[in-house]
Amino acid sequence: MSPAKTTASAKVTYSGGLDGVIVHLPSGATEFLRGVAVEVPAGDATVLASHPDFAPAATTPTIPKPSKEVS
């Protein structure tokens, strides 16, 4: 038995006008809710890259905690 293949993936976010959409991609149907990052195979991310309603998911910035000022 051969080991399972690992494939690259990417996170994509939908920002269109609807609350969500179901898109039929080469790997199968995928549901995208507006503003929610969805992990898809790299090939599917390439397909979505040409559509303005889809973008690579932004990484969550780390917000430093404010320091307590000593008075």
PDB file of N, CA and C in Angstrom:
ATOM      1  N   MET A   1       0.840  -1.169   0.000  1.00  0.00           N
ATOM      2  CA  MET A   1       0.000   0.000   0.000  1.00  0.00           C
ATOM      3  C   MET A   1       0.889   1.237   0.000  1.00  0.00           C
ATOM      4  N   SER A   2       0.606   2.189  -0.872  1.00  0.00           N
ATOM      5  CA  SER A   2       1.424   3.396  -0.959  1.00  0.00           C
ATOM      6  C   SER A   2       0.943   4.439   0.050  1.00  0.00           C
ATOM      7  N   PRO A   3       1.875   5.279   0.511  1.00  0.00           N
ATOM      8  CA  PRO A   3       1.484   6.309   1.473  1.00  0.00           C
ATOM      9  C   PRO A   3       0.563   7.340   0.823  1.00  0.00           C
ATOM     10  N   ALA A   4      -0.256   7.986   1.625  1.00  0.00           N
ATOM     11  CA  ALA A   4      -1.173   9.005   1.118  1.00  0.00           C
ATOM     12  C   ALA A   4      -0.376  10.192   0.582  1.00  0.00           C
ATOM     13  N   LYS A   5      -0.848  10.739  -0.524  1.00  0.00           N
ATOM     14  CA  LYS A   5      -0.184  11.895  -1.109  1.00  0.00           C
ATOM     15  C   LYS A   5      -0.586  13.137  -0.330  1.00  0.00           C
ATOM     16  N   THR A   6       0.379  14.006  -0.124  1.00  0.00           N
ATOM     17  CA  THR A   6       0.065  15.279   0.510  1.00  0.00           C
ATOM     18  C   THR A   6       0.007  16.336  -0.582  1.00  0.00           C
ATOM     19  N   THR A   7      -0.980  17.173  -0.534  1.00  0.00           N
ATOM     20  CA  THR A   7      -1.107  18.220  -1.532  1.00  0.00           C
ATOM     21  C   THR A   7      -1.077  19.570  -0.842  1.00  0.00           C
ATOM     22  N   ALA A   8      -0.556  20.545  -1.557  1.00  0.00           N
ATOM     23  CA  ALA A   8      -0.509  21.894  -1.018  1.00  0.00           C
ATOM     24  C   ALA A   8      -1.924  22.451  -0.956  1.00  0.00           C
ATOM     25  N   SER A   9      -2.150  23.312  -0.006  1.00  0.00           N
ATOM     26  CA  SER A   9      -3.462  23.933   0.110  1.00  0.00           C
ATOM     27  C   SER A   9      -3.291  25.417   0.378  1.00  0.00           C
ATOM     28  N   ALA A  10      -4.382  26.127   0.221  1.00  0.00           N
ATOM     29  CA  ALA A  10      -4.387  27.566   0.460  1.00  0.00           C
ATOM     30  C   ALA A  10      -5.711  27.942   1.093  1.00  0.00           C
ATOM     31  N   LYS A  11      -5.713  28.998   1.874  1.00  0.00           N
ATOM     32  CA  LYS A  11      -6.963  29.490   2.451  1.00  0.00           C
ATOM     33  C   LYS A  11      -7.453  30.641   1.590  1.00  0.00           C
ATOM     34  N   VAL A  12      -8.751  30.587   1.287  1.00  0.00           N
ATOM     35  CA  VAL A  12      -9.376  31.572   0.414  1.00  0.00           C
ATOM     36  C   VAL A  12     -10.590  32.153   1.140  1.00  0.00           C
ATOM     37  N   THR A  13     -10.835  33.443   0.947  1.00  0.00           N
ATOM     38  CA  THR A  13     -11.979  34.110   1.559  1.00  0.00           C
ATOM     39  C   THR A  13     -12.879  34.687   0.472  1.00  0.00           C
ATOM     40  N   TYR A  14     -14.187  34.490   0.651  1.00  0.00           N
ATOM     41  CA  TYR A  14     -15.196  35.047  -0.254  1.00  0.00           C
ATOM     42  C   TYR A  14     -15.641  36.397   0.291  1.00  0.00           C
ATOM     43  N   SER A  15     -15.715  37.414  -0.575  1.00  0.00           N
ATOM     44  CA  SER A  15     -16.128  38.746  -0.138  1.00  0.00           C
ATOM     45  C   SER A  15     -17.215  39.328  -1.027  1.00  0.00           C
ATOM     46  N   GLY A  16     -17.969  38.470  -1.683  1.00  0.00           N
ATOM     47  CA  GLY A  16     -19.009  38.924  -2.603  1.00  0.00           C
ATOM     48  C   GLY A  16     -20.227  39.486  -1.896  1.00  0.00           C
ATOM     49  N   GLY A  17     -21.256  39.778  -2.661  1.00  0.00           N
ATOM     50  CA  GLY A  17     -22.451  40.420  -2.148  1.00  0.00           C
ATOM     51  C   GLY A  17     -23.419  39.498  -1.433  1.00  0.00           C
ATOM     52  N   LEU A  18     -23.316  38.209  -1.617  1.00  0.00           N
ATOM     53  CA  LEU A  18     -24.223  37.260  -0.964  1.00  0.00           C
ATOM     54  C   LEU A  18     -23.651  36.832   0.385  1.00  0.00           C
ATOM     55  N   ASP A  19     -24.504  36.259   1.235  1.00  0.00           N
ATOM     56  CA  ASP A  19     -24.029  35.760   2.531  1.00  0.00           C
ATOM     57  C   ASP A  19     -23.091  34.575   2.362  1.00  0.00           C
ATOM     58  N   GLY A  20     -23.224  33.867   1.263  1.00  0.00           N
ATOM     59  CA  GLY A  20     -22.367  32.725   0.989  1.00  0.00           C
ATOM     60  C   GLY A  20     -22.699  32.140  -0.373  1.00  0.00           C
ATOM     61  N   VAL A  21     -21.800  31.314  -0.883  1.00  0.00           N
ATOM     62  CA  VAL A  21     -22.001  30.657  -2.175  1.00  0.00           C
ATOM     63  C   VAL A  21     -21.444  29.240  -2.103  1.00  0.00           C
ATOM     64  N   ILE A  22     -21.957  28.381  -2.975  1.00  0.00           N
ATOM     65  CA  ILE A  22     -21.385  27.050  -3.164  1.00  0.00           C
ATOM     66  C   ILE A  22     -20.788  27.037  -4.557  1.00  0.00           C
ATOM     67  N   VAL A  23     -19.504  26.743  -4.634  1.00  0.00           N
ATOM     68  CA  VAL A  23     -18.782  26.762  -5.899  1.00  0.00           C
ATOM     69  C   VAL A  23     -18.357  25.336  -6.234  1.00  0.00           C
ATOM     70  N   HIS A  24     -18.592  24.928  -7.479  1.00  0.00           N
ATOM     71  CA  HIS A  24     -18.179  23.601  -7.936  1.00  0.00           C
ATOM     72  C   HIS A  24     -16.791  23.729  -8.561  1.00  0.00           C
ATOM     73  N   LEU A  25     -15.792  23.269  -7.818  1.00  0.00           N
ATOM     74  CA  LEU A  25     -14.392  23.352  -8.214  1.00  0.00           C
ATOM     75  C   LEU A  25     -13.922  21.984  -8.711  1.00  0.00           C
ATOM     76  N   PRO A  26     -12.720  21.916  -9.313  1.00  0.00           N
ATOM     77  CA  PRO A  26     -12.206  20.630  -9.781  1.00  0.00           C
ATOM     78  C   PRO A  26     -12.177  19.541  -8.694  1.00  0.00           C
ATOM     79  N   SER A  27     -11.952  19.920  -7.445  1.00  0.00           N
ATOM     80  CA  SER A  27     -11.895  18.918  -6.371  1.00  0.00           C
ATOM     81  C   SER A  27     -13.266  18.602  -5.788  1.00  0.00           C
ATOM     82  N   GLY A  28     -14.288  19.346  -6.171  1.00  0.00           N
ATOM     83  CA  GLY A  28     -15.645  19.104  -5.674  1.00  0.00           C
ATOM     84  C   GLY A  28     -16.310  20.406  -5.257  1.00  0.00           C
ATOM     85  N   ALA A  29     -17.559  20.297  -4.806  1.00  0.00           N
ATOM     86  CA  ALA A  29     -18.312  21.478  -4.379  1.00  0.00           C
ATOM     87  C   ALA A  29     -17.792  21.967  -3.027  1.00  0.00           C
ATOM     88  N   THR A  30     -17.644  23.279  -2.901  1.00  0.00           N
ATOM     89  CA  THR A  30     -17.148  23.885  -1.670  1.00  0.00           C
ATOM     90  C   THR A  30     -18.032  25.066  -1.311  1.00  0.00           C
ATOM     91  N   GLU A  31     -18.417  25.148  -0.036  1.00  0.00           N
ATOM     92  CA  GLU A  31     -19.238  26.271   0.433  1.00  0.00           C
ATOM     93  C   GLU A  31     -18.344  27.355   1.009  1.00  0.00           C
ATOM     94  N   PHE A  32     -18.604  28.585   0.605  1.00  0.00           N
ATOM     95  CA  PHE A  32     -17.876  29.748   1.104  1.00  0.00           C
ATOM     96  C   PHE A  32     -18.878  30.695   1.737  1.00  0.00           C
ATOM     97  N   LEU A  33     -18.702  30.983   3.008  1.00  0.00           N
ATOM     98  CA  LEU A  33     -19.489  31.996   3.682  1.00  0.00           C
ATOM     99  C   LEU A  33     -18.700  33.294   3.628  1.00  0.00           C
ATOM    100  N   ARG A  34     -19.381  34.414   3.435  1.00  0.00           N
ATOM    101  CA  ARG A  34     -18.694  35.696   3.287  1.00  0.00           C
ATOM    102  C   ARG A  34     -17.827  35.985   4.511  1.00  0.00           C
ATOM    103  N   GLY A  35     -16.543  36.245   4.263  1.00  0.00           N
ATOM    104  CA  GLY A  35     -15.600  36.613   5.310  1.00  0.00           C
ATOM    105  C   GLY A  35     -14.971  35.461   6.067  1.00  0.00           C
ATOM    106  N   VAL A  36     -15.363  34.223   5.756  1.00  0.00           N
ATOM    107  CA  VAL A  36     -14.822  33.060   6.467  1.00  0.00           C
ATOM    108  C   VAL A  36     -13.770  32.389   5.588  1.00  0.00           C
ATOM    109  N   ALA A  37     -12.568  32.203   6.110  1.00  0.00           N
ATOM    110  CA  ALA A  37     -11.491  31.565   5.357  1.00  0.00           C
ATOM    111  C   ALA A  37     -11.777  30.070   5.202  1.00  0.00           C
ATOM    112  N   VAL A  38     -11.612  29.569   3.989  1.00  0.00           N
ATOM    113  CA  VAL A  38     -11.825  28.158   3.686  1.00  0.00           C
ATOM    114  C   VAL A  38     -10.541  27.606   3.084  1.00  0.00           C
ATOM    115  N   GLU A  39     -10.102  26.461   3.582  1.00  0.00           N
ATOM    116  CA  GLU A  39      -8.897  25.831   3.052  1.00  0.00           C
ATOM    117  C   GLU A  39      -9.277  24.974   1.846  1.00  0.00           C
ATOM    118  N   VAL A  40      -8.627  25.224   0.715  1.00  0.00           N
ATOM    119  CA  VAL A  40      -8.880  24.489  -0.523  1.00  0.00           C
ATOM    120  C   VAL A  40      -7.549  24.025  -1.108  1.00  0.00           C
ATOM    121  N   PRO A  41      -7.576  22.994  -1.962  1.00  0.00           N
ATOM    122  CA  PRO A  41      -6.339  22.584  -2.633  1.00  0.00           C
ATOM    123  C   PRO A  41      -5.779  23.741  -3.475  1.00  0.00           C
ATOM    124  N   ALA A  42      -4.475  23.758  -3.658  1.00  0.00           N
ATOM    125  CA  ALA A  42      -3.807  24.839  -4.385  1.00  0.00           C
ATOM    126  C   ALA A  42      -4.380  25.028  -5.786  1.00  0.00           C
ATOM    127  N   GLY A  43      -4.730  23.940  -6.456  1.00  0.00           N
ATOM    128  CA  GLY A  43      -5.314  24.037  -7.803  1.00  0.00           C
ATOM    129  C   GLY A  43      -6.635  24.784  -7.798  1.00  0.00           C
ATOM    130  N   ASP A  44      -7.454  24.550  -6.781  1.00  0.00           N
ATOM    131  CA  ASP A  44      -8.733  25.258  -6.670  1.00  0.00           C
ATOM    132  C   ASP A  44      -8.498  26.730  -6.360  1.00  0.00           C
ATOM    133  N   ALA A  45      -7.514  27.026  -5.541  1.00  0.00           N
ATOM    134  CA  ALA A  45      -7.190  28.419  -5.218  1.00  0.00           C
ATOM    135  C   ALA A  45      -6.757  29.165  -6.470  1.00  0.00           C
ATOM    136  N   THR A  46      -6.053  28.483  -7.362  1.00  0.00           N
ATOM    137  CA  THR A  46      -5.626  29.091  -8.622  1.00  0.00           C
ATOM    138  C   THR A  46      -6.832  29.435  -9.483  1.00  0.00           C
ATOM    139  N   VAL A  47      -7.820  28.545  -9.509  1.00  0.00           N
ATOM    140  CA  VAL A  47      -9.043  28.787 -10.276  1.00  0.00           C
ATOM    141  C   VAL A  47      -9.774  30.009  -9.722  1.00  0.00           C
ATOM    142  N   LEU A  48      -9.840  30.127  -8.399  1.00  0.00           N
ATOM    143  CA  LEU A  48     -10.567  31.226  -7.769  1.00  0.00           C
ATOM    144  C   LEU A  48      -9.821  32.550  -7.845  1.00  0.00           C
ATOM    145  N   ALA A  49      -8.516  32.510  -8.055  1.00  0.00           N
ATOM    146  CA  ALA A  49      -7.691  33.727  -8.044  1.00  0.00           C
ATOM    147  C   ALA A  49      -8.110  34.728  -9.116  1.00  0.00           C
ATOM    148  N   SER A  50      -8.699  34.252 -10.203  1.00  0.00           N
ATOM    149  CA  SER A  50      -9.085  35.170 -11.280  1.00  0.00           C
ATOM    150  C   SER A  50     -10.444  35.815 -11.037  1.00  0.00           C
ATOM    151  N   HIS A  51     -11.133  35.458  -9.965  1.00  0.00           N
ATOM    152  CA  HIS A  51     -12.451  36.020  -9.674  1.00  0.00           C
ATOM    153  C   HIS A  51     -12.330  37.090  -8.589  1.00  0.00           C
ATOM    154  N   PRO A  52     -12.887  38.284  -8.816  1.00  0.00           N
ATOM    155  CA  PRO A  52     -12.705  39.382  -7.853  1.00  0.00           C
ATOM    156  C   PRO A  52     -13.359  39.162  -6.484  1.00  0.00           C
ATOM    157  N   ASP A  53     -14.306  38.238  -6.368  1.00  0.00           N
ATOM    158  CA  ASP A  53     -14.973  38.001  -5.076  1.00  0.00           C
ATOM    159  C   ASP A  53     -14.200  37.052  -4.170  1.00  0.00           C
ATOM    160  N   PHE A  54     -13.094  36.510  -4.653  1.00  0.00           N
ATOM    161  CA  PHE A  54     -12.291  35.581  -3.858  1.00  0.00           C
ATOM    162  C   PHE A  54     -10.871  36.113  -3.738  1.00  0.00           C
ATOM    163  N   ALA A  55     -10.295  35.957  -2.552  1.00  0.00           N
ATOM    164  CA  ALA A  55      -8.927  36.426  -2.324  1.00  0.00           C
ATOM    165  C   ALA A  55      -8.252  35.493  -1.332  1.00  0.00           C
ATOM    166  N   PRO A  56      -6.929  35.416  -1.379  1.00  0.00           N
ATOM    167  CA  PRO A  56      -6.237  34.631  -0.353  1.00  0.00           C
ATOM    168  C   PRO A  56      -6.589  35.173   1.025  1.00  0.00           C
ATOM    169  N   ALA A  57      -6.800  34.284   1.957  1.00  0.00           N
ATOM    170  CA  ALA A  57      -7.156  34.697   3.312  1.00  0.00           C
ATOM    171  C   ALA A  57      -5.997  35.443   3.952  1.00  0.00           C
ATOM    172  N   ALA A  58      -6.309  36.529   4.589  1.00  0.00           N
ATOM    173  CA  ALA A  58      -5.291  37.306   5.294  1.00  0.00           C
ATOM    174  C   ALA A  58      -4.898  36.575   6.562  1.00  0.00           C
ATOM    175  N   THR A  59      -3.653  36.675   6.896  1.00  0.00           N
ATOM    176  CA  THR A  59      -3.223  36.080   8.152  1.00  0.00           C
ATOM    177  C   THR A  59      -3.704  36.956   9.294  1.00  0.00           C
ATOM    178  N   THR A  60      -4.031  36.347  10.380  1.00  0.00           N
ATOM    179  CA  THR A  60      -4.525  37.097  11.527  1.00  0.00           C
ATOM    180  C   THR A  60      -3.355  37.799  12.202  1.00  0.00           C
ATOM    181  N   PRO A  61      -3.399  39.118  12.239  1.00  0.00           N
ATOM    182  CA  PRO A  61      -2.286  39.824  12.881  1.00  0.00           C
ATOM    183  C   PRO A  61      -2.331  39.626  14.395  1.00  0.00           C
ATOM    184  N   THR A  62      -1.180  39.579  14.976  1.00  0.00           N
ATOM    185  CA  THR A  62      -1.136  39.495  16.432  1.00  0.00           C
ATOM    186  C   THR A  62      -1.129  40.911  16.975  1.00  0.00           C
ATOM    187  N   ILE A  63      -2.053  41.172  17.856  1.00  0.00           N
ATOM    188  CA  ILE A  63      -2.185  42.504  18.435  1.00  0.00           C
ATOM    189  C   ILE A  63      -1.530  42.481  19.806  1.00  0.00           C
ATOM    190  N   PRO A  64      -0.494  43.278  19.979  1.00  0.00           N
ATOM    191  CA  PRO A  64       0.169  43.272  21.288  1.00  0.00           C
ATOM    192  C   PRO A  64      -0.744  43.864  22.353  1.00  0.00           C
ATOM    193  N   LYS A  65      -0.638  43.312  23.550  1.00  0.00           N
ATOM    194  CA  LYS A  65      -1.419  43.841  24.660  1.00  0.00           C
ATOM    195  C   LYS A  65      -0.812  45.173  25.077  1.00  0.00           C
ATOM    196  N   PRO A  66      -1.667  46.151  25.382  1.00  0.00           N
ATOM    197  CA  PRO A  66      -1.120  47.427  25.816  1.00  0.00           C
ATOM    198  C   PRO A  66      -0.387  47.275  27.148  1.00  0.00           C
ATOM    199  N   SER A  67       0.718  47.970  27.251  1.00  0.00           N
ATOM    200  CA  SER A  67       1.480  47.884  28.495  1.00  0.00           C
ATOM    201  C   SER A  67       0.829  48.763  29.551  1.00  0.00           C
ATOM    202  N   LYS A  68       0.922  48.333  30.759  1.00  0.00           N
ATOM    203  CA  LYS A  68       0.367  49.118  31.855  1.00  0.00           C
ATOM    204  C   LYS A  68       1.385  50.186  32.225  1.00  0.00           C
ATOM    205  N   GLU A  69       0.907  51.406  32.249  1.00  0.00           N
ATOM    206  CA  GLU A  69       1.798  52.511  32.583  1.00  0.00           C
ATOM    207  C   GLU A  69       1.900  52.608  34.115  1.00  0.00           C
ATOM    208  N   VAL A  70       3.088  52.806  34.554  1.00  0.00           N
ATOM    209  CA  VAL A  70       3.320  52.942  35.991  1.00  0.00           C
ATOM    210  C   VAL A  70       3.256  54.427  36.326  1.00  0.00           C
ATOM    211  N   SER A  71       2.411  54.789  37.302  1.00  0.00           N
ATOM    212  CA  SER A  71       2.310  56.202  37.651  1.00  0.00           C
ATOM    213  C   SER A  71       2.934  56.496  38.988  1.00  0.00           C
TER     214      SER A  71
END
